[in-house]
Amino acid sequence: MEKRKENWKRLSVSLLTLFVIINAVAFFHAYKFTHFANNVIKTEKPENLSATDKLKTLVFGVNNPRPVNKKKPNRYFYTFELQSNKKISCWFIPSENAGSENRTIKGTVLLFHGYSGEKASMLDKAEEFLKLGYNTVLVDFMGSGESEGDQTTVGYKEAEEVKTVFDYMVNKGEKNIFLFGTSMGSVAVLKAVSCYQLPTKAIIIECPFGTMFETVCARFRIMHLPTFPMAALLVFWGGVQNGFWAFGHNPIEYAKGVKCNTLLMYGDQDKNVSRSETNEIYSNLAGPKKLKILSSTGHENFLLKNHDEWIQTISDFLSTN
């Protein structure tokens, strides 16, 4: 009897120790995933990691260098800052149509970057909108570029920053405002439009994930690692550390509150976001909508991979608005 009690005691201690270790690893991993650091080398994409490096990444988390704007617009622009949940930095680039007697500005497009990105990464797409006759505003989310902080919430708190920029442009007298987001930026756009009912003219979103939990699971699957229990623990601790319920960060649900005209773009070889997630978001969009599937394309810059097709799709969509 005593021996059985002793065995149960040892088992309980072992299980408790394992529980503490797993949660400690998840806590550390979640912090590094949602906080940028200086003077670190970015962790390679999961598919490029060796088995040993994948194990190190699983235990110690990803290295997330703070995103830096390494280039500036090659045409006239000006910088302005706004106070949102953090102080955020933006570039306004006017279309060359401004002031022309024969051509008019069609509107203003606000561009929002993806995870670990910065506003300079949106310059190539901004250039295409400028050519089409739209002013552009490029935004550094919190923790990126010249904006304040070192934190990212993968689109959750960034939605408030989308609203801040939108409200600022409305107060400046802009009427035809379009929102463009890629990956995390598209999630922030969906949440902002849904939760704040922004009266935007239309939105263009590229490869948004379906839920926070699913996008974390996808990263584990890409590394050929089991999702249980670390994915759920990472989502839980990431939310705790950043002050929100991460399991409720759900673009599939946000889509139900989006009533404006929407163009949803997706690459059929995307390993980060599944086609089923994309289909659910598209199905839930409450307003006029169009789904564009790009063949032989992953979770990448669609303009670079599908240059002419991307431009034609964007141009056709904007011409109907």
C-alpha atoms as a PDB file:
ATOM      1  CA  MET A   1       0.000   0.000   0.000  1.00  0.00           C
ATOM      2  CA  GLU A   2       2.751   2.436   0.972  1.00  0.00           C
ATOM      3  CA  LYS A   3       4.679   1.549  -2.178  1.00  0.00           C
ATOM      4  CA  ARG A   4       1.611   2.268  -4.318  1.00  0.00           C
ATOM      5  CA  LYS A   5       1.181   5.656  -2.654  1.00  0.00           C
ATOM      6  CA  GLU A   6       4.830   6.420  -3.263  1.00  0.00           C
ATOM      7  CA  ASN A   7       4.504   5.513  -6.929  1.00  0.00           C
ATOM      8  CA  TRP A   8       1.440   7.746  -7.297  1.00  0.00           C
ATOM      9  CA  LYS A   9       3.318  10.563  -5.596  1.00  0.00           C
ATOM     10  CA  ARG A  10       6.265  10.225  -7.940  1.00  0.00           C
ATOM     11  CA  LEU A  11       3.951  10.099 -10.960  1.00  0.00           C
ATOM     12  CA  SER A  12       2.094  13.194  -9.782  1.00  0.00           C
ATOM     13  CA  VAL A  13       5.348  15.093  -9.261  1.00  0.00           C
ATOM     14  CA  SER A  14       6.582  14.020 -12.680  1.00  0.00           C
ATOM     15  CA  LEU A  15       3.355  15.101 -14.387  1.00  0.00           C
ATOM     16  CA  LEU A  16       3.348  18.426 -12.543  1.00  0.00           C
ATOM     17  CA  THR A  17       6.971  19.037 -13.511  1.00  0.00           C
ATOM     18  CA  LEU A  18       6.220  18.220 -17.142  1.00  0.00           C
ATOM     19  CA  PHE A  19       3.199  20.543 -17.066  1.00  0.00           C
ATOM     20  CA  VAL A  20       5.293  23.400 -15.699  1.00  0.00           C
ATOM     21  CA  ILE A  21       8.059  22.847 -18.265  1.00  0.00           C
ATOM     22  CA  ILE A  22       5.659  22.708 -21.207  1.00  0.00           C
ATOM     23  CA  ASN A  23       3.905  25.885 -20.086  1.00  0.00           C
ATOM     24  CA  ALA A  24       7.221  27.647 -19.493  1.00  0.00           C
ATOM     25  CA  VAL A  25       8.339  26.781 -23.027  1.00  0.00           C
ATOM     26  CA  ALA A  26       4.981  27.928 -24.444  1.00  0.00           C
ATOM     27  CA  PHE A  27       5.146  31.175 -22.455  1.00  0.00           C
ATOM     28  CA  PHE A  28       8.637  31.968 -23.746  1.00  0.00           C
ATOM     29  CA  HIS A  29       7.715  30.963 -27.299  1.00  0.00           C
ATOM     30  CA  ALA A  30       4.569  33.129 -27.262  1.00  0.00           C
ATOM     31  CA  TYR A  31       6.498  36.143 -26.032  1.00  0.00           C
ATOM     32  CA  LYS A  32       9.078  35.899 -28.807  1.00  0.00           C
ATOM     33  CA  PHE A  33       6.325  35.390 -31.398  1.00  0.00           C
ATOM     34  CA  THR A  34       4.528  38.593 -30.354  1.00  0.00           C
ATOM     35  CA  HIS A  35       7.527  40.776 -29.488  1.00  0.00           C
ATOM     36  CA  PHE A  36      10.259  42.028 -31.784  1.00  0.00           C
ATOM     37  CA  ALA A  37      13.888  42.297 -30.702  1.00  0.00           C
ATOM     38  CA  ASN A  38      16.930  44.247 -31.794  1.00  0.00           C
ATOM     39  CA  ASN A  39      20.211  42.706 -32.915  1.00  0.00           C
ATOM     40  CA  VAL A  40      18.901  39.216 -33.655  1.00  0.00           C
ATOM     41  CA  ILE A  41      18.971  37.196 -36.871  1.00  0.00           C
ATOM     42  CA  LYS A  42      15.522  36.296 -38.190  1.00  0.00           C
ATOM     43  CA  THR A  43      14.613  32.618 -37.958  1.00  0.00           C
ATOM     44  CA  GLU A  44      14.378  30.963 -41.380  1.00  0.00           C
ATOM     45  CA  LYS A  45      11.021  29.885 -42.773  1.00  0.00           C
ATOM     46  CA  PRO A  46       9.934  26.566 -41.220  1.00  0.00           C
ATOM     47  CA  GLU A  47      10.314  24.675 -44.498  1.00  0.00           C
ATOM     48  CA  ASN A  48      13.967  25.769 -44.679  1.00  0.00           C
ATOM     49  CA  LEU A  49      14.911  24.619 -41.195  1.00  0.00           C
ATOM     50  CA  SER A  50      16.786  21.423 -40.427  1.00  0.00           C
ATOM     51  CA  ALA A  51      15.341  18.942 -37.944  1.00  0.00           C
ATOM     52  CA  THR A  52      17.692  20.253 -35.250  1.00  0.00           C
ATOM     53  CA  ASP A  53      16.792  23.875 -35.968  1.00  0.00           C
ATOM     54  CA  LYS A  54      13.087  23.025 -35.905  1.00  0.00           C
ATOM     55  CA  LEU A  55      13.542  21.502 -32.449  1.00  0.00           C
ATOM     56  CA  LYS A  56      15.437  24.583 -31.251  1.00  0.00           C
ATOM     57  CA  THR A  57      12.698  26.804 -32.624  1.00  0.00           C
ATOM     58  CA  LEU A  58      10.029  24.743 -30.904  1.00  0.00           C
ATOM     59  CA  VAL A  59      11.828  25.012 -27.550  1.00  0.00           C
ATOM     60  CA  PHE A  60      13.229  28.536 -27.678  1.00  0.00           C
ATOM     61  CA  GLY A  61      10.837  30.290 -30.078  1.00  0.00           C
ATOM     62  CA  VAL A  62      11.454  32.285 -33.239  1.00  0.00           C
ATOM     63  CA  ASN A  63      13.897  35.160 -33.530  1.00  0.00           C
ATOM     64  CA  ASN A  64      11.871  38.178 -34.568  1.00  0.00           C
ATOM     65  CA  PRO A  65      14.008  41.195 -35.523  1.00  0.00           C
ATOM     66  CA  ARG A  66      12.186  44.500 -35.239  1.00  0.00           C
ATOM     67  CA  PRO A  67      11.080  45.401 -38.788  1.00  0.00           C
ATOM     68  CA  VAL A  68      12.964  48.357 -40.277  1.00  0.00           C
ATOM     69  CA  ASN A  69      12.083  50.517 -43.272  1.00  0.00           C
ATOM     70  CA  LYS A  70      15.137  50.119 -45.486  1.00  0.00           C
ATOM     71  CA  LYS A  71      13.843  52.266 -48.335  1.00  0.00           C
ATOM     72  CA  LYS A  72      11.612  55.260 -48.935  1.00  0.00           C
ATOM     73  CA  PRO A  73       9.268  56.306 -51.738  1.00  0.00           C
ATOM     74  CA  ASN A  74      11.045  57.439 -54.891  1.00  0.00           C
ATOM     75  CA  ARG A  75       8.518  60.231 -55.432  1.00  0.00           C
ATOM     76  CA  TYR A  76       7.107  63.084 -53.342  1.00  0.00           C
ATOM     77  CA  PHE A  77       5.684  62.007 -49.979  1.00  0.00           C
ATOM     78  CA  TYR A  78       5.376  63.229 -46.450  1.00  0.00           C
ATOM     79  CA  THR A  79       5.417  61.495 -43.068  1.00  0.00           C
ATOM     80  CA  PHE A  80       2.818  61.975 -40.360  1.00  0.00           C
ATOM     81  CA  GLU A  81       2.287  60.375 -36.967  1.00  0.00           C
ATOM     82  CA  LEU A  82      -0.961  59.467 -35.233  1.00  0.00           C
ATOM     83  CA  GLN A  83      -1.700  58.526 -31.647  1.00  0.00           C
ATOM     84  CA  SER A  84      -3.646  55.273 -31.561  1.00  0.00           C
ATOM     85  CA  ASN A  85      -3.148  52.519 -28.971  1.00  0.00           C
ATOM     86  CA  LYS A  86       0.496  53.245 -29.856  1.00  0.00           C
ATOM     87  CA  LYS A  87       2.030  56.121 -31.772  1.00  0.00           C
ATOM     88  CA  ILE A  88       2.088  55.032 -35.408  1.00  0.00           C
ATOM     89  CA  SER A  89       4.027  56.399 -38.365  1.00  0.00           C
ATOM     90  CA  CYS A  90       2.530  56.808 -41.840  1.00  0.00           C
ATOM     91  CA  TRP A  91       3.557  57.957 -45.318  1.00  0.00           C
ATOM     92  CA  PHE A  92       1.165  59.893 -47.531  1.00  0.00           C
ATOM     93  CA  ILE A  93       2.013  59.607 -51.233  1.00  0.00           C
ATOM     94  CA  PRO A  94      -0.231  61.697 -53.491  1.00  0.00           C
ATOM     95  CA  SER A  95      -1.098  60.556 -56.981  1.00  0.00           C
ATOM     96  CA  GLU A  96       0.499  62.539 -59.778  1.00  0.00           C
ATOM     97  CA  ASN A  97      -3.055  63.204 -60.960  1.00  0.00           C
ATOM     98  CA  ALA A  98      -3.373  65.741 -58.150  1.00  0.00           C
ATOM     99  CA  GLY A  99      -3.769  69.211 -59.568  1.00  0.00           C
ATOM    100  CA  SER A 100      -4.191  68.006 -63.148  1.00  0.00           C
ATOM    101  CA  GLU A 101      -6.915  69.771 -65.113  1.00  0.00           C
ATOM    102  CA  ASN A 102      -7.740  66.699 -67.177  1.00  0.00           C
ATOM    103  CA  ARG A 103      -7.521  63.935 -64.593  1.00  0.00           C
ATOM    104  CA  THR A 104      -8.977  63.608 -61.122  1.00  0.00           C
ATOM    105  CA  ILE A 105      -8.037  61.670 -58.021  1.00  0.00           C
ATOM    106  CA  LYS A 106     -10.235  58.580 -57.751  1.00  0.00           C
ATOM    107  CA  GLY A 107      -9.749  58.101 -54.026  1.00  0.00           C
ATOM    108  CA  THR A 108      -7.239  57.149 -51.361  1.00  0.00           C
ATOM    109  CA  VAL A 109      -5.981  53.637 -50.590  1.00  0.00           C
ATOM    110  CA  LEU A 110      -4.713  52.849 -47.068  1.00  0.00           C
ATOM    111  CA  LEU A 111      -2.182  49.990 -47.144  1.00  0.00           C
ATOM    112  CA  PHE A 112      -1.443  47.698 -44.195  1.00  0.00           C
ATOM    113  CA  HIS A 113       1.471  45.259 -44.090  1.00  0.00           C
ATOM    114  CA  GLY A 114       1.736  41.690 -42.864  1.00  0.00           C
ATOM    115  CA  TYR A 115       3.362  40.027 -39.848  1.00  0.00           C
ATOM    116  CA  SER A 116       7.013  41.066 -39.393  1.00  0.00           C
ATOM    117  CA  GLY A 117       6.549  43.617 -42.158  1.00  0.00           C
ATOM    118  CA  GLU A 118       6.736  47.399 -42.380  1.00  0.00           C
ATOM    119  CA  LYS A 119       5.307  50.128 -44.570  1.00  0.00           C
ATOM    120  CA  ALA A 120       8.251  50.074 -46.990  1.00  0.00           C
ATOM    121  CA  SER A 121       7.273  46.516 -47.935  1.00  0.00           C
ATOM    122  CA  MET A 122       4.069  47.953 -49.425  1.00  0.00           C
ATOM    123  CA  LEU A 123       5.776  50.444 -51.739  1.00  0.00           C
ATOM    124  CA  ASP A 124       5.544  48.246 -54.844  1.00  0.00           C
ATOM    125  CA  LYS A 125       1.791  47.808 -54.426  1.00  0.00           C
ATOM    126  CA  ALA A 126       1.317  51.469 -53.547  1.00  0.00           C
ATOM    127  CA  GLU A 127       3.015  52.346 -56.831  1.00  0.00           C
ATOM    128  CA  GLU A 128       0.374  50.426 -58.775  1.00  0.00           C
ATOM    129  CA  PHE A 129      -2.460  52.195 -56.953  1.00  0.00           C
ATOM    130  CA  LEU A 130      -0.772  55.535 -57.678  1.00  0.00           C
ATOM    131  CA  LYS A 131      -0.618  54.690 -61.386  1.00  0.00           C
ATOM    132  CA  LEU A 132      -4.336  53.941 -61.297  1.00  0.00           C
ATOM    133  CA  GLY A 133      -5.030  57.441 -59.942  1.00  0.00           C
ATOM    134  CA  TYR A 134      -5.304  56.865 -56.189  1.00  0.00           C
ATOM    135  CA  ASN A 135      -3.512  58.622 -53.357  1.00  0.00           C
ATOM    136  CA  THR A 136      -1.910  56.159 -50.963  1.00  0.00           C
ATOM    137  CA  VAL A 137      -1.213  55.998 -47.238  1.00  0.00           C
ATOM    138  CA  LEU A 138       1.298  53.407 -45.997  1.00  0.00           C
ATOM    139  CA  VAL A 139       1.214  52.523 -42.313  1.00  0.00           C
ATOM    140  CA  ASP A 140       3.693  51.047 -39.851  1.00  0.00           C
ATOM    141  CA  PHE A 141       1.752  48.962 -37.351  1.00  0.00           C
ATOM    142  CA  MET A 142       2.905  49.171 -33.739  1.00  0.00           C
ATOM    143  CA  GLY A 143       6.283  47.563 -33.189  1.00  0.00           C
ATOM    144  CA  SER A 144       7.303  48.076 -36.817  1.00  0.00           C
ATOM    145  CA  GLY A 145       9.306  50.697 -38.675  1.00  0.00           C
ATOM    146  CA  GLU A 146       9.038  54.133 -37.083  1.00  0.00           C
ATOM    147  CA  SER A 147       6.005  53.270 -34.983  1.00  0.00           C
ATOM    148  CA  GLU A 148       6.110  52.894 -31.215  1.00  0.00           C
ATOM    149  CA  GLY A 149       6.733  49.703 -29.264  1.00  0.00           C
ATOM    150  CA  ASP A 150       8.077  46.215 -29.916  1.00  0.00           C
ATOM    151  CA  GLN A 151       4.792  44.312 -29.852  1.00  0.00           C
ATOM    152  CA  THR A 152       2.492  42.672 -32.387  1.00  0.00           C
ATOM    153  CA  THR A 153      -0.893  41.089 -31.730  1.00  0.00           C
ATOM    154  CA  VAL A 154      -1.185  39.618 -35.243  1.00  0.00           C
ATOM    155  CA  GLY A 155      -4.033  41.885 -36.255  1.00  0.00           C
ATOM    156  CA  TYR A 156      -6.046  42.138 -33.032  1.00  0.00           C
ATOM    157  CA  LYS A 157      -4.967  45.486 -31.571  1.00  0.00           C
ATOM    158  CA  GLU A 158      -3.751  46.570 -35.003  1.00  0.00           C
ATOM    159  CA  ALA A 159      -7.424  46.885 -35.997  1.00  0.00           C
ATOM    160  CA  GLU A 160      -7.668  49.946 -33.759  1.00  0.00           C
ATOM    161  CA  GLU A 161      -4.757  51.452 -35.677  1.00  0.00           C
ATOM    162  CA  VAL A 162      -6.594  50.837 -38.959  1.00  0.00           C
ATOM    163  CA  LYS A 163      -9.525  52.786 -37.503  1.00  0.00           C
ATOM    164  CA  THR A 164      -7.242  55.602 -36.319  1.00  0.00           C
ATOM    165  CA  VAL A 165      -5.780  56.105 -39.811  1.00  0.00           C
ATOM    166  CA  PHE A 166      -9.208  55.826 -41.441  1.00  0.00           C
ATOM    167  CA  ASP A 167     -10.735  58.413 -39.088  1.00  0.00           C
ATOM    168  CA  TYR A 168      -7.804  60.763 -39.684  1.00  0.00           C
ATOM    169  CA  MET A 169      -8.276  60.628 -43.460  1.00  0.00           C
ATOM    170  CA  VAL A 170     -12.031  61.201 -43.105  1.00  0.00           C
ATOM    171  CA  ASN A 171     -11.333  64.272 -40.971  1.00  0.00           C
ATOM    172  CA  LYS A 172      -8.941  65.459 -43.689  1.00  0.00           C
ATOM    173  CA  GLY A 173     -11.862  65.471 -46.096  1.00  0.00           C
ATOM    174  CA  GLU A 174     -11.161  62.209 -47.962  1.00  0.00           C
ATOM    175  CA  LYS A 175     -14.383  60.614 -49.197  1.00  0.00           C
ATOM    176  CA  ASN A 176     -13.499  57.602 -51.341  1.00  0.00           C
ATOM    177  CA  ILE A 177     -11.322  55.584 -48.952  1.00  0.00           C
ATOM    178  CA  PHE A 178     -10.269  52.029 -49.763  1.00  0.00           C
ATOM    179  CA  LEU A 179      -8.494  49.635 -47.389  1.00  0.00           C
ATOM    180  CA  PHE A 180      -5.852  47.200 -48.584  1.00  0.00           C
ATOM    181  CA  GLY A 181      -4.224  44.588 -46.361  1.00  0.00           C
ATOM    182  CA  THR A 182      -2.018  41.589 -46.830  1.00  0.00           C
ATOM    183  CA  SER A 183      -1.889  38.615 -44.429  1.00  0.00           C
ATOM    184  CA  MET A 184      -1.943  40.093 -40.889  1.00  0.00           C
ATOM    185  CA  GLY A 185      -2.846  43.453 -42.395  1.00  0.00           C
ATOM    186  CA  SER A 186      -5.915  41.925 -44.030  1.00  0.00           C
ATOM    187  CA  VAL A 187      -6.971  40.448 -40.680  1.00  0.00           C
ATOM    188  CA  ALA A 188      -6.656  43.884 -39.054  1.00  0.00           C
ATOM    189  CA  VAL A 189      -8.755  45.365 -41.877  1.00  0.00           C
ATOM    190  CA  LEU A 190     -11.474  42.725 -41.471  1.00  0.00           C
ATOM    191  CA  LYS A 191     -11.633  43.275 -37.708  1.00  0.00           C
ATOM    192  CA  ALA A 192     -11.637  47.063 -38.017  1.00  0.00           C
ATOM    193  CA  VAL A 193     -14.399  47.172 -40.633  1.00  0.00           C
ATOM    194  CA  SER A 194     -16.491  44.621 -38.736  1.00  0.00           C
ATOM    195  CA  CYS A 195     -16.051  45.908 -35.183  1.00  0.00           C
ATOM    196  CA  TYR A 196     -16.077  49.650 -35.928  1.00  0.00           C
ATOM    197  CA  GLN A 197     -18.328  49.556 -39.018  1.00  0.00           C
ATOM    198  CA  LEU A 198     -15.969  51.815 -40.939  1.00  0.00           C
ATOM    199  CA  PRO A 199     -17.778  53.357 -43.928  1.00  0.00           C
ATOM    200  CA  THR A 200     -15.012  52.454 -46.346  1.00  0.00           C
ATOM    201  CA  LYS A 201     -15.694  52.452 -50.082  1.00  0.00           C
ATOM    202  CA  ALA A 202     -14.353  48.890 -50.462  1.00  0.00           C
ATOM    203  CA  ILE A 203     -11.620  46.610 -49.149  1.00  0.00           C
ATOM    204  CA  ILE A 204      -9.008  44.408 -50.805  1.00  0.00           C
ATOM    205  CA  ILE A 205      -7.605  41.650 -48.617  1.00  0.00           C
ATOM    206  CA  GLU A 206      -4.903  39.081 -49.360  1.00  0.00           C
ATOM    207  CA  CYS A 207      -4.594  35.686 -47.627  1.00  0.00           C
ATOM    208  CA  PRO A 208      -6.133  36.383 -44.191  1.00  0.00           C
ATOM    209  CA  PHE A 209      -6.047  33.455 -41.772  1.00  0.00           C
ATOM    210  CA  GLY A 210      -9.294  32.011 -40.451  1.00  0.00           C
ATOM    211  CA  THR A 211      -8.556  31.944 -36.714  1.00  0.00           C
ATOM    212  CA  MET A 212      -5.583  32.712 -34.513  1.00  0.00           C
ATOM    213  CA  PHE A 213      -5.489  29.117 -33.332  1.00  0.00           C
ATOM    214  CA  GLU A 214      -5.519  27.736 -36.862  1.00  0.00           C
ATOM    215  CA  THR A 215      -2.683  29.969 -38.051  1.00  0.00           C
ATOM    216  CA  VAL A 216      -0.514  28.844 -35.127  1.00  0.00           C
ATOM    217  CA  CYS A 217      -1.366  25.211 -35.881  1.00  0.00           C
ATOM    218  CA  ALA A 218      -0.355  25.780 -39.504  1.00  0.00           C
ATOM    219  CA  ARG A 219       3.117  26.863 -38.413  1.00  0.00           C
ATOM    220  CA  PHE A 220       3.551  23.638 -36.459  1.00  0.00           C
ATOM    221  CA  ARG A 221       2.325  21.557 -39.389  1.00  0.00           C
ATOM    222  CA  ILE A 222       4.742  23.278 -41.763  1.00  0.00           C
ATOM    223  CA  MET A 223       7.563  22.154 -39.461  1.00  0.00           C
ATOM    224  CA  HIS A 224       6.023  18.652 -39.346  1.00  0.00           C
ATOM    225  CA  LEU A 225       5.564  18.949 -35.605  1.00  0.00           C
ATOM    226  CA  PRO A 226       2.484  17.919 -33.579  1.00  0.00           C
ATOM    227  CA  THR A 227       0.095  20.761 -32.818  1.00  0.00           C
ATOM    228  CA  PHE A 228      -1.002  19.314 -29.463  1.00  0.00           C
ATOM    229  CA  PRO A 229      -0.568  20.695 -26.884  1.00  0.00           C
ATOM    230  CA  MET A 230       1.865  23.472 -27.784  1.00  0.00           C
ATOM    231  CA  ALA A 231      -0.269  25.333 -30.342  1.00  0.00           C
ATOM    232  CA  ALA A 232      -3.121  25.883 -27.897  1.00  0.00           C
ATOM    233  CA  LEU A 233      -0.734  26.843 -25.089  1.00  0.00           C
ATOM    234  CA  LEU A 234       1.075  29.312 -27.341  1.00  0.00           C
ATOM    235  CA  VAL A 235      -2.227  30.959 -28.289  1.00  0.00           C
ATOM    236  CA  PHE A 236      -3.313  31.070 -24.652  1.00  0.00           C
ATOM    237  CA  TRP A 237      -0.101  32.607 -23.312  1.00  0.00           C
ATOM    238  CA  GLY A 238       0.232  34.974 -26.265  1.00  0.00           C
ATOM    239  CA  GLY A 239      -3.191  36.368 -25.451  1.00  0.00           C
ATOM    240  CA  VAL A 240      -2.438  36.631 -21.735  1.00  0.00           C
ATOM    241  CA  GLN A 241       0.826  38.463 -22.378  1.00  0.00           C
ATOM    242  CA  ASN A 242      -0.789  40.918 -24.773  1.00  0.00           C
ATOM    243  CA  GLY A 243      -4.056  41.522 -22.977  1.00  0.00           C
ATOM    244  CA  PHE A 244      -6.691  39.829 -25.142  1.00  0.00           C
ATOM    245  CA  TRP A 245      -8.463  36.474 -25.584  1.00  0.00           C
ATOM    246  CA  ALA A 246      -6.498  35.104 -28.538  1.00  0.00           C
ATOM    247  CA  PHE A 247      -8.865  32.171 -29.125  1.00  0.00           C
ATOM    248  CA  GLY A 248     -11.522  34.762 -29.981  1.00  0.00           C
ATOM    249  CA  HIS A 249      -9.346  36.376 -32.651  1.00  0.00           C
ATOM    250  CA  ASN A 250     -11.422  34.998 -35.499  1.00  0.00           C
ATOM    251  CA  PRO A 251     -11.485  36.609 -38.974  1.00  0.00           C
ATOM    252  CA  ILE A 252     -14.039  34.019 -40.087  1.00  0.00           C
ATOM    253  CA  GLU A 253     -16.443  35.653 -37.621  1.00  0.00           C
ATOM    254  CA  TYR A 254     -15.282  39.210 -38.400  1.00  0.00           C
ATOM    255  CA  ALA A 255     -16.285  38.621 -42.022  1.00  0.00           C
ATOM    256  CA  LYS A 256     -19.949  38.464 -40.994  1.00  0.00           C
ATOM    257  CA  GLY A 257     -19.821  42.152 -40.095  1.00  0.00           C
ATOM    258  CA  VAL A 258     -18.186  43.268 -43.359  1.00  0.00           C
ATOM    259  CA  LYS A 259     -20.906  44.722 -45.574  1.00  0.00           C
ATOM    260  CA  CYS A 260     -18.810  46.733 -48.033  1.00  0.00           C
ATOM    261  CA  ASN A 261     -17.606  45.533 -51.426  1.00  0.00           C
ATOM    262  CA  THR A 262     -14.708  43.113 -50.895  1.00  0.00           C
ATOM    263  CA  LEU A 263     -12.031  41.541 -53.063  1.00  0.00           C
ATOM    264  CA  LEU A 264     -10.471  38.489 -51.394  1.00  0.00           C
ATOM    265  CA  MET A 265      -7.281  37.134 -52.967  1.00  0.00           C
ATOM    266  CA  TYR A 266      -5.654  33.780 -52.180  1.00  0.00           C
ATOM    267  CA  GLY A 267      -2.763  31.679 -53.494  1.00  0.00           C
ATOM    268  CA  ASP A 268      -3.691  28.043 -54.081  1.00  0.00           C
ATOM    269  CA  GLN A 269      -0.316  26.808 -52.765  1.00  0.00           C
ATOM    270  CA  ASP A 270      -0.511  28.721 -49.473  1.00  0.00           C
ATOM    271  CA  LYS A 271       0.780  26.561 -46.598  1.00  0.00           C
ATOM    272  CA  ASN A 272       0.029  29.159 -43.916  1.00  0.00           C
ATOM    273  CA  VAL A 273      -3.648  29.590 -44.761  1.00  0.00           C
ATOM    274  CA  SER A 274      -5.890  26.776 -45.984  1.00  0.00           C
ATOM    275  CA  ARG A 275      -8.406  26.985 -48.794  1.00  0.00           C
ATOM    276  CA  SER A 276     -11.139  25.991 -46.336  1.00  0.00           C
ATOM    277  CA  GLU A 277     -10.340  29.013 -44.131  1.00  0.00           C
ATOM    278  CA  THR A 278     -10.493  31.243 -47.201  1.00  0.00           C
ATOM    279  CA  ASN A 279     -13.794  29.732 -48.305  1.00  0.00           C
ATOM    280  CA  GLU A 280     -15.307  30.273 -44.848  1.00  0.00           C
ATOM    281  CA  ILE A 281     -14.231  33.916 -44.765  1.00  0.00           C
ATOM    282  CA  TYR A 282     -15.578  34.464 -48.269  1.00  0.00           C
ATOM    283  CA  SER A 283     -18.863  32.737 -47.463  1.00  0.00           C
ATOM    284  CA  ASN A 284     -19.361  34.906 -44.371  1.00  0.00           C
ATOM    285  CA  LEU A 285     -18.679  38.258 -46.054  1.00  0.00           C
ATOM    286  CA  ALA A 286     -21.996  40.088 -45.816  1.00  0.00           C
ATOM    287  CA  GLY A 287     -21.669  42.466 -48.772  1.00  0.00           C
ATOM    288  CA  PRO A 288     -20.824  42.301 -52.491  1.00  0.00           C
ATOM    289  CA  LYS A 289     -17.705  40.177 -52.946  1.00  0.00           C
ATOM    290  CA  LYS A 290     -15.271  38.618 -55.344  1.00  0.00           C
ATOM    291  CA  LEU A 291     -12.829  35.758 -54.741  1.00  0.00           C
ATOM    292  CA  LYS A 292      -9.653  35.601 -56.823  1.00  0.00           C
ATOM    293  CA  ILE A 293      -7.559  32.423 -56.628  1.00  0.00           C
ATOM    294  CA  LEU A 294      -3.993  32.751 -57.912  1.00  0.00           C
ATOM    295  CA  SER A 295      -2.568  29.483 -59.223  1.00  0.00           C
ATOM    296  CA  SER A 296       0.870  28.124 -58.284  1.00  0.00           C
ATOM    297  CA  THR A 297       1.148  30.833 -55.616  1.00  0.00           C
ATOM    298  CA  GLY A 298       1.937  30.533 -51.925  1.00  0.00           C
ATOM    299  CA  HIS A 299       1.868  32.897 -48.953  1.00  0.00           C
ATOM    300  CA  GLU A 300       3.960  35.522 -50.711  1.00  0.00           C
ATOM    301  CA  ASN A 301       3.921  38.866 -52.507  1.00  0.00           C
ATOM    302  CA  PHE A 302       1.199  38.364 -55.123  1.00  0.00           C
ATOM    303  CA  LEU A 303       2.365  41.356 -57.149  1.00  0.00           C
ATOM    304  CA  LEU A 304       5.817  39.840 -57.602  1.00  0.00           C
ATOM    305  CA  LYS A 305       4.552  36.354 -58.370  1.00  0.00           C
ATOM    306  CA  ASN A 306       1.536  37.280 -60.486  1.00  0.00           C
ATOM    307  CA  HIS A 307       2.373  40.797 -61.666  1.00  0.00           C
ATOM    308  CA  ASP A 308       0.045  41.330 -64.623  1.00  0.00           C
ATOM    309  CA  GLU A 309      -2.792  39.238 -63.199  1.00  0.00           C
ATOM    310  CA  TRP A 310      -2.652  41.088 -59.865  1.00  0.00           C
ATOM    311  CA  ILE A 311      -2.744  44.500 -61.521  1.00  0.00           C
ATOM    312  CA  GLN A 312      -5.623  43.512 -63.818  1.00  0.00           C
ATOM    313  CA  THR A 313      -7.625  42.045 -60.931  1.00  0.00           C
ATOM    314  CA  ILE A 314      -7.127  45.139 -58.782  1.00  0.00           C
ATOM    315  CA  SER A 315      -7.891  47.497 -61.677  1.00  0.00           C
ATOM    316  CA  ASP A 316     -11.094  45.637 -62.605  1.00  0.00           C
ATOM    317  CA  PHE A 317     -12.275  45.608 -59.006  1.00  0.00           C
ATOM    318  CA  LEU A 318     -11.623  49.304 -58.416  1.00  0.00           C
ATOM    319  CA  SER A 319     -13.345  50.235 -61.675  1.00  0.00           C
ATOM    320  CA  THR A 320     -16.613  48.863 -60.270  1.00  0.00           C
ATOM    321  CA  ASN A 321     -16.375  51.081 -57.202  1.00  0.00           C
END
